[in-house]
PDB file of N, CA and C in Angstrom:
ATOM      1  N   UNK A   1    -111.691  -0.550 -64.481  1.00  0.00           N
ATOM      2  CA  UNK A   1    -112.971  -1.152 -64.729  1.00  0.00           C
ATOM      3  C   UNK A   1    -113.380  -1.912 -63.471  1.00  0.00           C
ATOM      4  N   UNK A   2    -114.538  -1.617 -62.895  1.00  0.00           N
ATOM      5  CA  UNK A   2    -114.986  -2.344 -61.702  1.00  0.00           C
ATOM      6  C   UNK A   2    -115.380  -3.789 -62.036  1.00  0.00           C
ATOM      7  N   UNK A   3    -114.804  -4.735 -61.288  1.00  0.00           N
ATOM      8  CA  UNK A   3    -115.148  -6.154 -61.428  1.00  0.00           C
ATOM      9  C   UNK A   3    -115.074  -6.795 -60.046  1.00  0.00           C
ATOM     10  N   UNK A   4    -115.639  -7.985 -59.922  1.00  0.00           N
ATOM     11  CA  UNK A   4    -115.576  -8.699 -58.645  1.00  0.00           C
ATOM     12  C   UNK A   4    -114.152  -9.198 -58.399  1.00  0.00           C
ATOM     13  N   UNK A   5    -113.836  -9.398 -57.123  1.00  0.00           N
ATOM     14  CA  UNK A   5    -112.522  -9.953 -56.781  1.00  0.00           C
ATOM     15  C   UNK A   5    -112.344 -11.336 -57.393  1.00  0.00           C
ATOM     16  N   UNK A   6    -113.414 -12.107 -57.379  1.00  0.00           N
ATOM     17  CA  UNK A   6    -113.358 -13.460 -57.924  1.00  0.00           C
ATOM     18  C   UNK A   6    -113.007 -13.419 -59.415  1.00  0.00           C
ATOM     19  N   UNK A   7    -113.638 -12.515 -60.149  1.00  0.00           N
ATOM     20  CA  UNK A   7    -113.356 -12.406 -61.579  1.00  0.00           C
ATOM     21  C   UNK A   7    -111.937 -11.867 -61.804  1.00  0.00           C
ATOM     22  N   UNK A   8    -111.513 -10.923 -60.974  1.00  0.00           N
ATOM     23  CA  UNK A   8    -110.151 -10.399 -61.037  1.00  0.00           C
ATOM     24  C   UNK A   8    -109.150 -11.543 -60.886  1.00  0.00           C
ATOM     25  N   UNK A   9    -109.376 -12.399 -59.856  1.00  0.00           N
ATOM     26  CA  UNK A   9    -108.475 -13.528 -59.624  1.00  0.00           C
ATOM     27  C   UNK A   9    -108.450 -14.474 -60.821  1.00  0.00           C
ATOM     28  N   UNK A  10    -109.613 -14.700 -61.423  1.00  0.00           N
ATOM     29  CA  UNK A  10    -109.696 -15.565 -62.608  1.00  0.00           C
ATOM     30  C   UNK A  10    -108.871 -14.984 -63.753  1.00  0.00           C
ATOM     31  N   UNK A  11    -109.004 -13.689 -64.001  1.00  0.00           N
ATOM     32  CA  UNK A  11    -108.237 -13.043 -65.072  1.00  0.00           C
ATOM     33  C   UNK A  11    -106.736 -13.137 -64.806  1.00  0.00           C
ATOM     34  N   UNK A  12    -106.339 -12.915 -63.541  1.00  0.00           N
ATOM     35  CA  UNK A  12    -104.918 -13.011 -63.190  1.00  0.00           C
ATOM     36  C   UNK A  12    -104.387 -14.414 -63.455  1.00  0.00           C
ATOM     37  N   UNK A  13    -105.153 -15.439 -63.030  1.00  0.00           N
ATOM     38  CA  UNK A  13    -104.734 -16.828 -63.250  1.00  0.00           C
ATOM     39  C   UNK A  13    -104.584 -17.135 -64.731  1.00  0.00           C
ATOM     40  N   UNK A  14    -105.417 -16.502 -65.550  1.00  0.00           N
ATOM     41  CA  UNK A  14    -105.360 -16.718 -66.999  1.00  0.00           C
ATOM     42  C   UNK A  14    -104.266 -15.889 -67.664  1.00  0.00           C
ATOM     43  N   UNK A  15    -103.538 -15.085 -66.872  1.00  0.00           N
ATOM     44  CA  UNK A  15    -102.417 -14.318 -67.407  1.00  0.00           C
ATOM     45  C   UNK A  15    -102.768 -12.949 -67.960  1.00  0.00           C
ATOM     46  N   UNK A  16    -103.947 -12.460 -67.660  1.00  0.00           N
ATOM     47  CA  UNK A  16    -104.343 -11.137 -68.162  1.00  0.00           C
ATOM     48  C   UNK A  16    -103.461 -10.057 -67.520  1.00  0.00           C
ATOM     49  N   UNK A  17    -103.047  -9.054 -68.292  1.00  0.00           N
ATOM     50  CA  UNK A  17    -102.237  -7.959 -67.743  1.00  0.00           C
ATOM     51  C   UNK A  17    -103.144  -6.988 -66.976  1.00  0.00           C
ATOM     52  N   UNK A  18    -103.467  -7.334 -65.728  1.00  0.00           N
ATOM     53  CA  UNK A  18    -104.428  -6.576 -64.939  1.00  0.00           C
ATOM     54  C   UNK A  18    -103.872  -6.370 -63.535  1.00  0.00           C
ATOM     55  N   UNK A  19    -104.209  -5.241 -62.919  1.00  0.00           N
ATOM     56  CA  UNK A  19    -103.782  -5.007 -61.538  1.00  0.00           C
ATOM     57  C   UNK A  19    -104.904  -4.319 -60.763  1.00  0.00           C
ATOM     58  N   UNK A  20    -104.917  -4.575 -59.477  1.00  0.00           N
ATOM     59  CA  UNK A  20    -105.928  -3.993 -58.598  1.00  0.00           C
ATOM     60  C   UNK A  20    -105.456  -2.632 -58.099  1.00  0.00           C
ATOM     61  N   UNK A  21    -106.369  -1.668 -58.065  1.00  0.00           N
ATOM     62  CA  UNK A  21    -105.997  -0.342 -57.577  1.00  0.00           C
ATOM     63  C   UNK A  21    -106.774   0.068 -56.337  1.00  0.00           C
ATOM     64  N   UNK A  22    -108.065  -0.246 -56.291  1.00  0.00           N
ATOM     65  CA  UNK A  22    -108.877   0.155 -55.142  1.00  0.00           C
ATOM     66  C   UNK A  22    -110.109  -0.746 -55.051  1.00  0.00           C
ATOM     67  N   UNK A  23    -110.536  -1.044 -53.809  1.00  0.00           N
ATOM     68  CA  UNK A  23    -111.773  -1.792 -53.595  1.00  0.00           C
ATOM     69  C   UNK A  23    -112.909  -0.779 -53.545  1.00  0.00           C
ATOM     70  N   UNK A  24    -113.871  -0.930 -54.448  1.00  0.00           N
ATOM     71  CA  UNK A  24    -114.982   0.020 -54.529  1.00  0.00           C
ATOM     72  C   UNK A  24    -116.097  -0.294 -53.541  1.00  0.00           C
ATOM     73  N   UNK A  25    -116.345  -1.568 -53.301  1.00  0.00           N
ATOM     74  CA  UNK A  25    -117.447  -1.944 -52.413  1.00  0.00           C
ATOM     75  C   UNK A  25    -117.286  -3.388 -51.967  1.00  0.00           C
ATOM     76  N   UNK A  26    -117.855  -3.686 -50.818  1.00  0.00           N
ATOM     77  CA  UNK A  26    -117.942  -5.058 -50.342  1.00  0.00           C
ATOM     78  C   UNK A  26    -119.411  -5.343 -50.123  1.00  0.00           C
ATOM     79  N   UNK A  27    -119.859  -6.516 -50.568  1.00  0.00           N
ATOM     80  CA  UNK A  27    -121.277  -6.846 -50.494  1.00  0.00           C
ATOM     81  C   UNK A  27    -121.553  -7.944 -49.491  1.00  0.00           C
ATOM     82  N   UNK A  28    -122.657  -7.807 -48.808  1.00  0.00           N
ATOM     83  CA  UNK A  28    -123.208  -8.861 -47.973  1.00  0.00           C
ATOM     84  C   UNK A  28    -124.546  -9.213 -48.605  1.00  0.00           C
ATOM     85  N   UNK A  29    -124.736 -10.477 -48.897  1.00  0.00           N
ATOM     86  CA  UNK A  29    -125.941 -10.899 -49.587  1.00  0.00           C
ATOM     87  C   UNK A  29    -127.020 -11.267 -48.577  1.00  0.00           C
ATOM     88  N   UNK A  30    -128.238 -10.787 -48.825  1.00  0.00           N
ATOM     89  CA  UNK A  30    -129.336 -11.071 -47.904  1.00  0.00           C
ATOM     90  C   UNK A  30    -130.667 -10.910 -48.625  1.00  0.00           C
ATOM     91  N   UNK A  31    -131.724 -11.332 -47.960  1.00  0.00           N
ATOM     92  CA  UNK A  31    -133.076 -11.168 -48.465  1.00  0.00           C
ATOM     93  C   UNK A  31    -133.866 -10.424 -47.397  1.00  0.00           C
ATOM     94  N   UNK A  32    -134.586  -9.405 -47.809  1.00  0.00           N
ATOM     95  CA  UNK A  32    -135.453  -8.671 -46.884  1.00  0.00           C
ATOM     96  C   UNK A  32    -136.877  -9.183 -47.047  1.00  0.00           C
ATOM     97  N   UNK A  33    -137.567  -9.333 -45.934  1.00  0.00           N
ATOM     98  CA  UNK A  33    -138.951  -9.798 -45.957  1.00  0.00           C
ATOM     99  C   UNK A  33    -139.854  -8.749 -45.316  1.00  0.00           C
ATOM    100  N   UNK A  34    -141.056  -8.672 -45.812  1.00  0.00           N
ATOM    101  CA  UNK A  34    -142.065  -7.810 -45.222  1.00  0.00           C
ATOM    102  C   UNK A  34    -142.326  -8.284 -43.794  1.00  0.00           C
ATOM    103  N   UNK A  35    -142.564  -7.363 -42.855  1.00  0.00           N
ATOM    104  CA  UNK A  35    -142.828  -7.773 -41.471  1.00  0.00           C
ATOM    105  C   UNK A  35    -144.004  -8.742 -41.327  1.00  0.00           C
ATOM    106  N   UNK A  36    -144.895  -8.796 -42.312  1.00  0.00           N
ATOM    107  CA  UNK A  36    -146.036  -9.712 -42.211  1.00  0.00           C
ATOM    108  C   UNK A  36    -145.692 -11.151 -42.603  1.00  0.00           C
ATOM    109  N   UNK A  37    -144.472 -11.396 -43.101  1.00  0.00           N
ATOM    110  CA  UNK A  37    -144.080 -12.763 -43.456  1.00  0.00           C
ATOM    111  C   UNK A  37    -143.956 -13.566 -42.161  1.00  0.00           C
ATOM    112  N   UNK A  38    -144.645 -14.695 -42.082  1.00  0.00           N
ATOM    113  CA  UNK A  38    -144.629 -15.497 -40.851  1.00  0.00           C
ATOM    114  C   UNK A  38    -143.223 -15.990 -40.491  1.00  0.00           C
ATOM    115  N   UNK A  39    -142.935 -16.018 -39.201  1.00  0.00           N
ATOM    116  CA  UNK A  39    -141.644 -16.504 -38.720  1.00  0.00           C
ATOM    117  C   UNK A  39    -141.369 -17.927 -39.205  1.00  0.00           C
ATOM    118  N   UNK A  40    -142.400 -18.741 -39.300  1.00  0.00           N
ATOM    119  CA  UNK A  40    -142.237 -20.122 -39.754  1.00  0.00           C
ATOM    120  C   UNK A  40    -141.692 -20.152 -41.182  1.00  0.00           C
ATOM    121  N   UNK A  41    -142.188 -19.281 -42.041  1.00  0.00           N
ATOM    122  CA  UNK A  41    -141.705 -19.227 -43.420  1.00  0.00           C
ATOM    123  C   UNK A  41    -140.264 -18.728 -43.460  1.00  0.00           C
ATOM    124  N   UNK A  42    -139.951 -17.728 -42.674  1.00  0.00           N
ATOM    125  CA  UNK A  42    -138.569 -17.230 -42.617  1.00  0.00           C
ATOM    126  C   UNK A  42    -137.639 -18.339 -42.128  1.00  0.00           C
ATOM    127  N   UNK A  43    -138.093 -19.116 -41.153  1.00  0.00           N
ATOM    128  CA  UNK A  43    -137.301 -20.244 -40.663  1.00  0.00           C
ATOM    129  C   UNK A  43    -137.053 -21.276 -41.747  1.00  0.00           C
ATOM    130  N   UNK A  44    -138.073 -21.583 -42.565  1.00  0.00           N
ATOM    131  CA  UNK A  44    -137.905 -22.530 -43.675  1.00  0.00           C
ATOM    132  C   UNK A  44    -136.933 -21.991 -44.704  1.00  0.00           C
ATOM    133  N   UNK A  45    -137.028 -20.684 -44.974  1.00  0.00           N
ATOM    134  CA  UNK A  45    -136.099 -20.068 -45.930  1.00  0.00           C
ATOM    135  C   UNK A  45    -134.665 -20.176 -45.415  1.00  0.00           C
ATOM    136  N   UNK A  46    -134.472 -19.912 -44.116  1.00  0.00           N
ATOM    137  CA  UNK A  46    -133.132 -19.988 -43.537  1.00  0.00           C
ATOM    138  C   UNK A  46    -132.592 -21.410 -43.594  1.00  0.00           C
ATOM    139  N   UNK A  47    -133.444 -22.387 -43.297  1.00  0.00           N
ATOM    140  CA  UNK A  47    -133.007 -23.788 -43.385  1.00  0.00           C
ATOM    141  C   UNK A  47    -132.589 -24.140 -44.805  1.00  0.00           C
ATOM    142  N   UNK A  48    -133.348 -23.651 -45.793  1.00  0.00           N
ATOM    143  CA  UNK A  48    -132.987 -23.898 -47.185  1.00  0.00           C
ATOM    144  C   UNK A  48    -131.640 -23.278 -47.532  1.00  0.00           C
ATOM    145  N   UNK A  49    -131.428 -22.056 -47.072  1.00  0.00           N
ATOM    146  CA  UNK A  49    -130.138 -21.397 -47.310  1.00  0.00           C
ATOM    147  C   UNK A  49    -129.007 -22.153 -46.625  1.00  0.00           C
ATOM    148  N   UNK A  50    -129.237 -22.536 -45.367  1.00  0.00           N
ATOM    149  CA  UNK A  50    -128.209 -23.302 -44.646  1.00  0.00           C
ATOM    150  C   UNK A  50    -127.848 -24.577 -45.406  1.00  0.00           C
ATOM    151  N   UNK A  51    -128.852 -25.217 -46.019  1.00  0.00           N
ATOM    152  CA  UNK A  51    -128.612 -26.455 -46.762  1.00  0.00           C
ATOM    153  C   UNK A  51    -127.749 -26.207 -47.996  1.00  0.00           C
ATOM    154  N   UNK A  52    -128.068 -25.162 -48.783  1.00  0.00           N
ATOM    155  CA  UNK A  52    -127.272 -24.923 -50.000  1.00  0.00           C
ATOM    156  C   UNK A  52    -125.860 -24.439 -49.673  1.00  0.00           C
ATOM    157  N   UNK A  53    -125.693 -23.824 -48.507  1.00  0.00           N
ATOM    158  CA  UNK A  53    -124.335 -23.469 -48.064  1.00  0.00           C
ATOM    159  C   UNK A  53    -123.586 -24.741 -47.681  1.00  0.00           C
ATOM    160  N   UNK A  54    -124.229 -25.585 -46.869  1.00  0.00           N
ATOM    161  CA  UNK A  54    -123.576 -26.801 -46.362  1.00  0.00           C
ATOM    162  C   UNK A  54    -123.222 -27.788 -47.467  1.00  0.00           C
ATOM    163  N   UNK A  55    -124.087 -27.920 -48.471  1.00  0.00           N
ATOM    164  CA  UNK A  55    -123.810 -28.922 -49.520  1.00  0.00           C
ATOM    165  C   UNK A  55    -122.945 -28.383 -50.661  1.00  0.00           C
ATOM    166  N   UNK A  56    -122.544 -27.118 -50.564  1.00  0.00           N
ATOM    167  CA  UNK A  56    -121.633 -26.539 -51.553  1.00  0.00           C
ATOM    168  C   UNK A  56    -122.311 -25.891 -52.752  1.00  0.00           C
ATOM    169  N   UNK A  57    -123.641 -25.938 -52.811  1.00  0.00           N
ATOM    170  CA  UNK A  57    -124.355 -25.348 -53.946  1.00  0.00           C
ATOM    171  C   UNK A  57    -124.090 -23.854 -54.051  1.00  0.00           C
ATOM    172  N   UNK A  58    -124.145 -23.144 -52.923  1.00  0.00           N
ATOM    173  CA  UNK A  58    -123.906 -21.701 -52.949  1.00  0.00           C
ATOM    174  C   UNK A  58    -122.508 -21.401 -53.483  1.00  0.00           C
ATOM    175  N   UNK A  59    -121.512 -22.110 -52.999  1.00  0.00           N
ATOM    176  CA  UNK A  59    -120.140 -21.873 -53.450  1.00  0.00           C
ATOM    177  C   UNK A  59    -120.003 -22.124 -54.952  1.00  0.00           C
ATOM    178  N   UNK A  60    -120.657 -23.171 -55.444  1.00  0.00           N
ATOM    179  CA  UNK A  60    -120.587 -23.464 -56.885  1.00  0.00           C
ATOM    180  C   UNK A  60    -121.251 -22.357 -57.702  1.00  0.00           C
ATOM    181  N   UNK A  61    -122.385 -21.859 -57.236  1.00  0.00           N
ATOM    182  CA  UNK A  61    -123.052 -20.763 -57.944  1.00  0.00           C
ATOM    183  C   UNK A  61    -122.204 -19.496 -57.911  1.00  0.00           C
ATOM    184  N   UNK A  62    -121.622 -19.194 -56.747  1.00  0.00           N
ATOM    185  CA  UNK A  62    -120.767 -18.017 -56.646  1.00  0.00           C
ATOM    186  C   UNK A  62    -119.584 -18.148 -57.603  1.00  0.00           C
ATOM    187  N   UNK A  63    -118.997 -19.341 -57.667  1.00  0.00           N
ATOM    188  CA  UNK A  63    -117.865 -19.576 -58.570  1.00  0.00           C
ATOM    189  C   UNK A  63    -118.309 -19.419 -60.028  1.00  0.00           C
ATOM    190  N   UNK A  64    -119.436 -20.012 -60.378  1.00  0.00           N
ATOM    191  CA  UNK A  64    -119.931 -19.965 -61.750  1.00  0.00           C
ATOM    192  C   UNK A  64    -120.162 -18.538 -62.232  1.00  0.00           C
ATOM    193  N   UNK A  65    -120.683 -17.684 -61.343  1.00  0.00           N
ATOM    194  CA  UNK A  65    -121.032 -16.323 -61.747  1.00  0.00           C
ATOM    195  C   UNK A  65    -120.017 -15.274 -61.298  1.00  0.00           C
ATOM    196  N   UNK A  66    -118.851 -15.722 -60.790  1.00  0.00           N
ATOM    197  CA  UNK A  66    -117.780 -14.792 -60.458  1.00  0.00           C
ATOM    198  C   UNK A  66    -118.079 -13.886 -59.279  1.00  0.00           C
ATOM    199  N   UNK A  67    -118.824 -14.400 -58.328  1.00  0.00           N
ATOM    200  CA  UNK A  67    -119.160 -13.603 -57.143  1.00  0.00           C
ATOM    201  C   UNK A  67    -118.133 -13.883 -56.057  1.00  0.00           C
ATOM    202  N   UNK A  68    -117.630 -12.838 -55.431  1.00  0.00           N
ATOM    203  CA  UNK A  68    -116.631 -12.989 -54.371  1.00  0.00           C
ATOM    204  C   UNK A  68    -117.176 -13.879 -53.274  1.00  0.00           C
ATOM    205  N   UNK A  69    -116.332 -14.764 -52.728  1.00  0.00           N
ATOM    206  CA  UNK A  69    -116.790 -15.714 -51.729  1.00  0.00           C
ATOM    207  C   UNK A  69    -116.394 -15.370 -50.314  1.00  0.00           C
ATOM    208  N   UNK A  70    -115.679 -14.282 -50.097  1.00  0.00           N
ATOM    209  CA  UNK A  70    -115.250 -13.955 -48.741  1.00  0.00           C
ATOM    210  C   UNK A  70    -116.406 -13.529 -47.842  1.00  0.00           C
ATOM    211  N   UNK A  71    -117.577 -13.237 -48.396  1.00  0.00           N
ATOM    212  CA  UNK A  71    -118.719 -12.773 -47.633  1.00  0.00           C
ATOM    213  C   UNK A  71    -119.881 -13.771 -47.613  1.00  0.00           C
ATOM    214  N   UNK A  72    -119.653 -14.998 -48.045  1.00  0.00           N
ATOM    215  CA  UNK A  72    -120.760 -15.954 -48.116  1.00  0.00           C
ATOM    216  C   UNK A  72    -121.390 -16.160 -46.764  1.00  0.00           C
ATOM    217  N   UNK A  73    -122.688 -16.060 -46.725  1.00  0.00           N
ATOM    218  CA  UNK A  73    -123.455 -16.291 -45.492  1.00  0.00           C
ATOM    219  C   UNK A  73    -124.791 -16.851 -45.836  1.00  0.00           C
TER     220      UNK A  73
END
């Protein structure tokens, strides 16, 4: 059954009889913008992302929803 690494680790910690066999995919999270989006707006979006990474909000959300954290950016 395909699941995230984070969820796999959670199940293992809880004692579930589960084992890993193959990695199906690795994800990099990003947002695509239309070329007409002003650079200033993209800069504000990046600053907002940098803030939620720095203050730990992104990590908490990833943990809450079982998203692997090895690719956080």
